[in-house]
Amino acid sequence: MAYKISDGCINCGACEGECPAEAISEVDSKRSIAEDKCVSCGSCASVCPVEAISEA
């Protein structure tokens, strides 16, 4: 199951550098996870300072 970034995202970018699948990018001043690339490892969620990332 892919991970999802909620509206609580502060666009800090911490998650993007942690993603081994390069599934996270900035879209309209917000981070977004490409569901087709996400490998559900949870690396992004573990570094999010505001806990805005969870399993979809």
C-alpha atoms as a PDB file:
ATOM      1  CA  MET A   1       0.000   0.000   0.000  1.00  0.00           C
ATOM      2  CA  ALA A   2       1.424   3.381  -1.016  1.00  0.00           C
ATOM      3  CA  TYR A   3       2.005   6.214   1.417  1.00  0.00           C
ATOM      4  CA  LYS A   4       0.180   9.528   1.219  1.00  0.00           C
ATOM      5  CA  ILE A   5       1.083  13.069   2.306  1.00  0.00           C
ATOM      6  CA  SER A   6      -1.677  14.974   4.102  1.00  0.00           C
ATOM      7  CA  ASP A   7      -2.509  18.676   4.034  1.00  0.00           C
ATOM      8  CA  GLY A   8      -0.459  18.988   7.232  1.00  0.00           C
ATOM      9  CA  CYS A   9       2.711  18.922   5.104  1.00  0.00           C
ATOM     10  CA  ILE A  10       4.941  21.956   5.679  1.00  0.00           C
ATOM     11  CA  ASN A  11       6.946  21.287   2.484  1.00  0.00           C
ATOM     12  CA  CYS A  12      10.264  20.952   4.326  1.00  0.00           C
ATOM     13  CA  GLY A  13      11.597  18.355   1.870  1.00  0.00           C
ATOM     14  CA  ALA A  14      12.944  15.939   4.480  1.00  0.00           C
ATOM     15  CA  CYS A  15      10.959  13.070   2.986  1.00  0.00           C
ATOM     16  CA  GLU A  16      12.116  13.526  -0.592  1.00  0.00           C
ATOM     17  CA  GLY A  17      15.763  12.813   0.196  1.00  0.00           C
ATOM     18  CA  GLU A  18      14.871   9.679   2.161  1.00  0.00           C
ATOM     19  CA  CYS A  19      12.804   7.998  -0.563  1.00  0.00           C
ATOM     20  CA  PRO A  20      14.824   5.153  -2.158  1.00  0.00           C
ATOM     21  CA  ALA A  21      12.334   4.919  -5.038  1.00  0.00           C
ATOM     22  CA  GLU A  22      12.452   8.651  -5.839  1.00  0.00           C
ATOM     23  CA  ALA A  23       8.654   8.689  -5.624  1.00  0.00           C
ATOM     24  CA  ILE A  24       8.386  12.075  -3.885  1.00  0.00           C
ATOM     25  CA  SER A  25       8.411  15.378  -5.723  1.00  0.00           C
ATOM     26  CA  GLU A  26       7.228  18.942  -5.247  1.00  0.00           C
ATOM     27  CA  VAL A  27       3.919  19.765  -6.941  1.00  0.00           C
ATOM     28  CA  ASP A  28       2.265  23.174  -6.498  1.00  0.00           C
ATOM     29  CA  SER A  29       4.460  24.066  -3.479  1.00  0.00           C
ATOM     30  CA  LYS A  30       3.622  20.744  -1.762  1.00  0.00           C
ATOM     31  CA  ARG A  31       5.295  17.356  -1.642  1.00  0.00           C
ATOM     32  CA  SER A  32       3.504  14.524  -3.404  1.00  0.00           C
ATOM     33  CA  ILE A  33       4.095  10.770  -3.563  1.00  0.00           C
ATOM     34  CA  ALA A  34       3.681   8.995  -6.911  1.00  0.00           C
ATOM     35  CA  GLU A  35       1.634   5.926  -6.014  1.00  0.00           C
ATOM     36  CA  ASP A  36       3.017   3.928  -8.937  1.00  0.00           C
ATOM     37  CA  LYS A  37       6.613   4.461  -7.720  1.00  0.00           C
ATOM     38  CA  CYS A  38       6.091   4.126  -3.945  1.00  0.00           C
ATOM     39  CA  VAL A  39       7.502   0.864  -2.555  1.00  0.00           C
ATOM     40  CA  SER A  40       5.761   1.280   0.838  1.00  0.00           C
ATOM     41  CA  CYS A  41       8.992   1.223   2.841  1.00  0.00           C
ATOM     42  CA  GLY A  42       7.957   3.993   5.254  1.00  0.00           C
ATOM     43  CA  SER A  43      11.294   5.841   5.120  1.00  0.00           C
ATOM     44  CA  CYS A  44       9.514   9.097   4.322  1.00  0.00           C
ATOM     45  CA  ALA A  45       7.082   8.804   7.224  1.00  0.00           C
ATOM     46  CA  SER A  46       9.871   8.137   9.691  1.00  0.00           C
ATOM     47  CA  VAL A  47      11.584  11.479   8.962  1.00  0.00           C
ATOM     48  CA  CYS A  48       8.512  13.726   8.653  1.00  0.00           C
ATOM     49  CA  PRO A  49       8.735  16.337  11.438  1.00  0.00           C
ATOM     50  CA  VAL A  50       4.964  16.960  11.466  1.00  0.00           C
ATOM     51  CA  GLU A  51       3.789  13.352  10.934  1.00  0.00           C
ATOM     52  CA  ALA A  52       2.004  14.306   7.700  1.00  0.00           C
ATOM     53  CA  ILE A  53       2.771  11.013   5.953  1.00  0.00           C
ATOM     54  CA  SER A  54       0.809   7.806   6.468  1.00  0.00           C
ATOM     55  CA  GLU A  55      -0.262   4.685   4.635  1.00  0.00           C
ATOM     56  CA  ALA A  56      -3.023   5.427   2.144  1.00  0.00           C
END
